[in-house]
């Protein structure tokens, strides 16, 4: 189950199984071009539903 652990103006952390992921919302918004809440939803849902898509998003975050 995916659960958002904490959320701040520019950062969100969430847990999937036993792993915790962090999202830099400002970078995500620049990369994906969505509203902050949409970015969190896309990140959480994409990791849950599509490991390949989420891996691509994580790679984009790491390069930025």
PDB file of N, CA and C in Angstrom:
ATOM      1  N   UNK A   1       0.841  -1.180   0.000  1.00  0.00           N
ATOM      2  CA  UNK A   1       0.000   0.000   0.000  1.00  0.00           C
ATOM      3  C   UNK A   1       0.885   1.242   0.000  1.00  0.00           C
ATOM      4  N   UNK A   2       0.457   2.255  -0.738  1.00  0.00           N
ATOM      5  CA  UNK A   2       1.189   3.510  -0.824  1.00  0.00           C
ATOM      6  C   UNK A   2       0.619   4.480   0.195  1.00  0.00           C
ATOM      7  N   UNK A   3       1.493   5.136   0.919  1.00  0.00           N
ATOM      8  CA  UNK A   3       1.051   6.042   1.971  1.00  0.00           C
ATOM      9  C   UNK A   3       1.960   7.266   1.972  1.00  0.00           C
ATOM     10  N   UNK A   4       1.352   8.457   1.921  1.00  0.00           N
ATOM     11  CA  UNK A   4       2.159   9.673   1.992  1.00  0.00           C
ATOM     12  C   UNK A   4       2.542   9.893   3.450  1.00  0.00           C
ATOM     13  N   UNK A   5       3.844   9.960   3.703  1.00  0.00           N
ATOM     14  CA  UNK A   5       4.362  10.087   5.061  1.00  0.00           C
ATOM     15  C   UNK A   5       4.285  11.526   5.560  1.00  0.00           C
ATOM     16  N   UNK A   6       4.779  12.434   4.759  1.00  0.00           N
ATOM     17  CA  UNK A   6       4.780  13.832   5.156  1.00  0.00           C
ATOM     18  C   UNK A   6       4.785  14.675   3.900  1.00  0.00           C
ATOM     19  N   UNK A   7       4.293  15.895   4.040  1.00  0.00           N
ATOM     20  CA  UNK A   7       4.231  16.775   2.886  1.00  0.00           C
ATOM     21  C   UNK A   7       4.556  18.184   3.347  1.00  0.00           C
ATOM     22  N   UNK A   8       5.411  18.842   2.594  1.00  0.00           N
ATOM     23  CA  UNK A   8       5.765  20.225   2.860  1.00  0.00           C
ATOM     24  C   UNK A   8       5.538  21.011   1.582  1.00  0.00           C
ATOM     25  N   UNK A   9       5.773  22.292   1.628  1.00  0.00           N
ATOM     26  CA  UNK A   9       5.541  23.120   0.458  1.00  0.00           C
ATOM     27  C   UNK A   9       6.354  22.644  -0.742  1.00  0.00           C
ATOM     28  N   UNK A  10       7.576  22.188  -0.513  1.00  0.00           N
ATOM     29  CA  UNK A  10       8.426  21.812  -1.646  1.00  0.00           C
ATOM     30  C   UNK A  10       8.961  20.385  -1.575  1.00  0.00           C
ATOM     31  N   UNK A  11       8.427  19.568  -0.672  1.00  0.00           N
ATOM     32  CA  UNK A  11       8.922  18.198  -0.547  1.00  0.00           C
ATOM     33  C   UNK A  11       7.822  17.287  -0.023  1.00  0.00           C
ATOM     34  N   UNK A  12       7.769  16.066  -0.537  1.00  0.00           N
ATOM     35  CA  UNK A  12       6.846  15.057  -0.008  1.00  0.00           C
ATOM     36  C   UNK A  12       7.593  13.739   0.099  1.00  0.00           C
ATOM     37  N   UNK A  13       7.287  12.966   1.116  1.00  0.00           N
ATOM     38  CA  UNK A  13       7.870  11.634   1.274  1.00  0.00           C
ATOM     39  C   UNK A  13       6.732  10.636   1.395  1.00  0.00           C
ATOM     40  N   UNK A  14       6.892   9.480   0.764  1.00  0.00           N
ATOM     41  CA  UNK A  14       5.861   8.461   0.872  1.00  0.00           C
ATOM     42  C   UNK A  14       6.504   7.087   0.897  1.00  0.00           C
ATOM     43  N   UNK A  15       5.771   6.128   1.427  1.00  0.00           N
ATOM     44  CA  UNK A  15       6.289   4.775   1.603  1.00  0.00           C
ATOM     45  C   UNK A  15       5.518   3.800   0.732  1.00  0.00           C
ATOM     46  N   UNK A  16       6.272   2.909   0.085  1.00  0.00           N
ATOM     47  CA  UNK A  16       5.681   1.820  -0.683  1.00  0.00           C
ATOM     48  C   UNK A  16       6.292   0.547  -0.122  1.00  0.00           C
ATOM     49  N   UNK A  17       5.471  -0.271   0.493  1.00  0.00           N
ATOM     50  CA  UNK A  17       5.999  -1.447   1.173  1.00  0.00           C
ATOM     51  C   UNK A  17       6.896  -1.003   2.307  1.00  0.00           C
ATOM     52  N   UNK A  18       8.179  -1.336   2.224  1.00  0.00           N
ATOM     53  CA  UNK A  18       9.121  -0.941   3.274  1.00  0.00           C
ATOM     54  C   UNK A  18      10.081   0.145   2.811  1.00  0.00           C
ATOM     55  N   UNK A  19       9.909   0.645   1.570  1.00  0.00           N
ATOM     56  CA  UNK A  19      10.813   1.666   1.045  1.00  0.00           C
ATOM     57  C   UNK A  19      10.149   3.033   1.070  1.00  0.00           C
ATOM     58  N   UNK A  20      10.902   4.048   1.461  1.00  0.00           N
ATOM     59  CA  UNK A  20      10.399   5.416   1.482  1.00  0.00           C
ATOM     60  C   UNK A  20      11.031   6.198   0.343  1.00  0.00           C
ATOM     61  N   UNK A  21      10.203   6.935  -0.372  1.00  0.00           N
ATOM     62  CA  UNK A  21      10.652   7.743  -1.501  1.00  0.00           C
ATOM     63  C   UNK A  21      10.412   9.213  -1.189  1.00  0.00           C
ATOM     64  N   UNK A  22      11.308  10.074  -1.638  1.00  0.00           N
ATOM     65  CA  UNK A  22      11.140  11.509  -1.482  1.00  0.00           C
ATOM     66  C   UNK A  22      10.925  12.157  -2.834  1.00  0.00           C
ATOM     67  N   UNK A  23      10.109  13.188  -2.859  1.00  0.00           N
ATOM     68  CA  UNK A  23       9.849  13.920  -4.093  1.00  0.00           C
ATOM     69  C   UNK A  23      10.150  15.388  -3.852  1.00  0.00           C
ATOM     70  N   UNK A  24      11.035  15.945  -4.648  1.00  0.00           N
ATOM     71  CA  UNK A  24      11.269  17.384  -4.628  1.00  0.00           C
ATOM     72  C   UNK A  24      10.204  17.997  -5.531  1.00  0.00           C
ATOM     73  N   UNK A  25       9.196  18.598  -4.921  1.00  0.00           N
ATOM     74  CA  UNK A  25       8.028  19.067  -5.657  1.00  0.00           C
ATOM     75  C   UNK A  25       8.386  20.155  -6.663  1.00  0.00           C
ATOM     76  N   UNK A  26       9.282  21.062  -6.305  1.00  0.00           N
ATOM     77  CA  UNK A  26       9.630  22.139  -7.225  1.00  0.00           C
ATOM     78  C   UNK A  26      10.318  21.596  -8.471  1.00  0.00           C
ATOM     79  N   UNK A  27      11.229  20.643  -8.300  1.00  0.00           N
ATOM     80  CA  UNK A  27      11.871  20.026  -9.462  1.00  0.00           C
ATOM     81  C   UNK A  27      10.853  19.233 -10.272  1.00  0.00           C
ATOM     82  N   UNK A  28       9.992  18.510  -9.578  1.00  0.00           N
ATOM     83  CA  UNK A  28       8.986  17.702 -10.270  1.00  0.00           C
ATOM     84  C   UNK A  28       8.066  18.587 -11.097  1.00  0.00           C
ATOM     85  N   UNK A  29       7.666  19.695 -10.542  1.00  0.00           N
ATOM     86  CA  UNK A  29       6.775  20.604 -11.259  1.00  0.00           C
ATOM     87  C   UNK A  29       7.460  21.143 -12.506  1.00  0.00           C
ATOM     88  N   UNK A  30       8.745  21.459 -12.402  1.00  0.00           N
ATOM     89  CA  UNK A  30       9.482  21.946 -13.565  1.00  0.00           C
ATOM     90  C   UNK A  30       9.621  20.861 -14.626  1.00  0.00           C
ATOM     91  N   UNK A  31       9.904  19.632 -14.187  1.00  0.00           N
ATOM     92  CA  UNK A  31      10.114  18.527 -15.127  1.00  0.00           C
ATOM     93  C   UNK A  31       8.807  18.114 -15.795  1.00  0.00           C
ATOM     94  N   UNK A  32       7.773  17.943 -15.000  1.00  0.00           N
ATOM     95  CA  UNK A  32       6.521  17.388 -15.510  1.00  0.00           C
ATOM     96  C   UNK A  32       5.544  18.486 -15.937  1.00  0.00           C
ATOM     97  N   UNK A  33       5.653  19.667 -15.341  1.00  0.00           N
ATOM     98  CA  UNK A  33       4.796  20.778 -15.712  1.00  0.00           C
ATOM     99  C   UNK A  33       3.381  20.654 -15.188  1.00  0.00           C
ATOM    100  N   UNK A  34       3.218  20.214 -13.951  1.00  0.00           N
ATOM    101  CA  UNK A  34       1.895  20.051 -13.361  1.00  0.00           C
ATOM    102  C   UNK A  34       1.815  20.803 -12.035  1.00  0.00           C
ATOM    103  N   UNK A  35       0.611  20.912 -11.536  1.00  0.00           N
ATOM    104  CA  UNK A  35       0.418  21.495 -10.212  1.00  0.00           C
ATOM    105  C   UNK A  35       1.037  20.574  -9.169  1.00  0.00           C
ATOM    106  N   UNK A  36       1.382  21.131  -8.024  1.00  0.00           N
ATOM    107  CA  UNK A  36       2.056  20.356  -6.980  1.00  0.00           C
ATOM    108  C   UNK A  36       1.260  19.115  -6.598  1.00  0.00           C
ATOM    109  N   UNK A  37      -0.020  19.238  -6.365  1.00  0.00           N
ATOM    110  CA  UNK A  37      -0.818  18.075  -5.955  1.00  0.00           C
ATOM    111  C   UNK A  37      -0.872  17.033  -7.060  1.00  0.00           C
ATOM    112  N   UNK A  38      -0.917  17.465  -8.310  1.00  0.00           N
ATOM    113  CA  UNK A  38      -0.922  16.524  -9.427  1.00  0.00           C
ATOM    114  C   UNK A  38       0.382  15.748  -9.487  1.00  0.00           C
ATOM    115  N   UNK A  39       1.493  16.416  -9.211  1.00  0.00           N
ATOM    116  CA  UNK A  39       2.796  15.747  -9.239  1.00  0.00           C
ATOM    117  C   UNK A  39       2.841  14.640  -8.192  1.00  0.00           C
ATOM    118  N   UNK A  40       2.364  14.930  -6.984  1.00  0.00           N
ATOM    119  CA  UNK A  40       2.362  13.908  -5.930  1.00  0.00           C
ATOM    120  C   UNK A  40       1.500  12.727  -6.366  1.00  0.00           C
ATOM    121  N   UNK A  41       0.304  13.007  -6.904  1.00  0.00           N
ATOM    122  CA  UNK A  41      -0.591  11.935  -7.333  1.00  0.00           C
ATOM    123  C   UNK A  41       0.041  11.090  -8.429  1.00  0.00           C
ATOM    124  N   UNK A  42       0.644  11.737  -9.415  1.00  0.00           N
ATOM    125  CA  UNK A  42       1.272  11.005 -10.519  1.00  0.00           C
ATOM    126  C   UNK A  42       2.412  10.150 -10.001  1.00  0.00           C
ATOM    127  N   UNK A  43       3.233  10.719  -9.127  1.00  0.00           N
ATOM    128  CA  UNK A  43       4.384   9.981  -8.603  1.00  0.00           C
ATOM    129  C   UNK A  43       3.924   8.750  -7.825  1.00  0.00           C
ATOM    130  N   UNK A  44       2.986   8.929  -6.931  1.00  0.00           N
ATOM    131  CA  UNK A  44       2.521   7.815  -6.102  1.00  0.00           C
ATOM    132  C   UNK A  44       1.826   6.765  -6.966  1.00  0.00           C
ATOM    133  N   UNK A  45       0.913   7.192  -7.822  1.00  0.00           N
ATOM    134  CA  UNK A  45       0.161   6.239  -8.631  1.00  0.00           C
ATOM    135  C   UNK A  45       1.056   5.540  -9.642  1.00  0.00           C
ATOM    136  N   UNK A  46       1.992   6.270 -10.230  1.00  0.00           N
ATOM    137  CA  UNK A  46       2.819   5.658 -11.263  1.00  0.00           C
ATOM    138  C   UNK A  46       3.732   4.589 -10.675  1.00  0.00           C
ATOM    139  N   UNK A  47       4.270   4.808  -9.484  1.00  0.00           N
ATOM    140  CA  UNK A  47       5.118   3.795  -8.860  1.00  0.00           C
ATOM    141  C   UNK A  47       4.279   2.579  -8.503  1.00  0.00           C
ATOM    142  N   UNK A  48       3.085   2.817  -8.012  1.00  0.00           N
ATOM    143  CA  UNK A  48       2.218   1.700  -7.621  1.00  0.00           C
ATOM    144  C   UNK A  48       1.783   0.888  -8.842  1.00  0.00           C
ATOM    145  N   UNK A  49       1.440   1.579  -9.940  1.00  0.00           N
ATOM    146  CA  UNK A  49       0.848   0.909 -11.092  1.00  0.00           C
ATOM    147  C   UNK A  49       1.851   0.534 -12.173  1.00  0.00           C
ATOM    148  N   UNK A  50       2.943   1.274 -12.297  1.00  0.00           N
ATOM    149  CA  UNK A  50       3.862   1.033 -13.401  1.00  0.00           C
ATOM    150  C   UNK A  50       5.306   1.227 -12.964  1.00  0.00           C
ATOM    151  N   UNK A  51       5.975   0.169 -12.563  1.00  0.00           N
ATOM    152  CA  UNK A  51       7.367   0.299 -12.109  1.00  0.00           C
ATOM    153  C   UNK A  51       8.287   0.914 -13.159  1.00  0.00           C
ATOM    154  N   UNK A  52       8.081   0.598 -14.438  1.00  0.00           N
ATOM    155  CA  UNK A  52       8.960   1.144 -15.480  1.00  0.00           C
ATOM    156  C   UNK A  52       8.778   2.655 -15.600  1.00  0.00           C
ATOM    157  N   UNK A  53       7.529   3.120 -15.597  1.00  0.00           N
ATOM    158  CA  UNK A  53       7.270   4.550 -15.708  1.00  0.00           C
ATOM    159  C   UNK A  53       7.846   5.293 -14.512  1.00  0.00           C
ATOM    160  N   UNK A  54       7.672   4.744 -13.335  1.00  0.00           N
ATOM    161  CA  UNK A  54       8.192   5.409 -12.144  1.00  0.00           C
ATOM    162  C   UNK A  54       9.711   5.426 -12.152  1.00  0.00           C
ATOM    163  N   UNK A  55      10.336   4.389 -12.684  1.00  0.00           N
ATOM    164  CA  UNK A  55      11.797   4.372 -12.781  1.00  0.00           C
ATOM    165  C   UNK A  55      12.260   5.494 -13.695  1.00  0.00           C
ATOM    166  N   UNK A  56      11.524   5.748 -14.767  1.00  0.00           N
ATOM    167  CA  UNK A  56      11.876   6.838 -15.675  1.00  0.00           C
ATOM    168  C   UNK A  56      11.742   8.190 -14.987  1.00  0.00           C
ATOM    169  N   UNK A  57      10.706   8.364 -14.175  1.00  0.00           N
ATOM    170  CA  UNK A  57      10.531   9.624 -13.451  1.00  0.00           C
ATOM    171  C   UNK A  57      11.644   9.796 -12.426  1.00  0.00           C
ATOM    172  N   UNK A  58      11.970   8.725 -11.677  1.00  0.00           N
ATOM    173  CA  UNK A  58      13.058   8.814 -10.697  1.00  0.00           C
ATOM    174  C   UNK A  58      14.367   9.180 -11.387  1.00  0.00           C
ATOM    175  N   UNK A  59      14.610   8.610 -12.563  1.00  0.00           N
ATOM    176  CA  UNK A  59      15.832   8.915 -13.307  1.00  0.00           C
ATOM    177  C   UNK A  59      15.856  10.391 -13.699  1.00  0.00           C
ATOM    178  N   UNK A  60      14.719  10.932 -14.100  1.00  0.00           N
ATOM    179  CA  UNK A  60      14.645  12.348 -14.463  1.00  0.00           C
ATOM    180  C   UNK A  60      14.929  13.232 -13.257  1.00  0.00           C
ATOM    181  N   UNK A  61      14.424  12.862 -12.078  1.00  0.00           N
ATOM    182  CA  UNK A  61      14.698  13.631 -10.865  1.00  0.00           C
ATOM    183  C   UNK A  61      16.184  13.613 -10.551  1.00  0.00           C
ATOM    184  N   UNK A  62      16.807  12.465 -10.700  1.00  0.00           N
ATOM    185  CA  UNK A  62      18.217  12.334 -10.353  1.00  0.00           C
ATOM    186  C   UNK A  62      19.099  13.153 -11.294  1.00  0.00           C
ATOM    187  N   UNK A  63      18.685  13.298 -12.546  1.00  0.00           N
ATOM    188  CA  UNK A  63      19.471  14.054 -13.520  1.00  0.00           C
ATOM    189  C   UNK A  63      19.312  15.555 -13.340  1.00  0.00           C
ATOM    190  N   UNK A  64      18.215  15.984 -12.724  1.00  0.00           N
ATOM    191  CA  UNK A  64      17.960  17.428 -12.608  1.00  0.00           C
ATOM    192  C   UNK A  64      18.741  18.048 -11.475  1.00  0.00           C
TER     193      UNK A  64
END
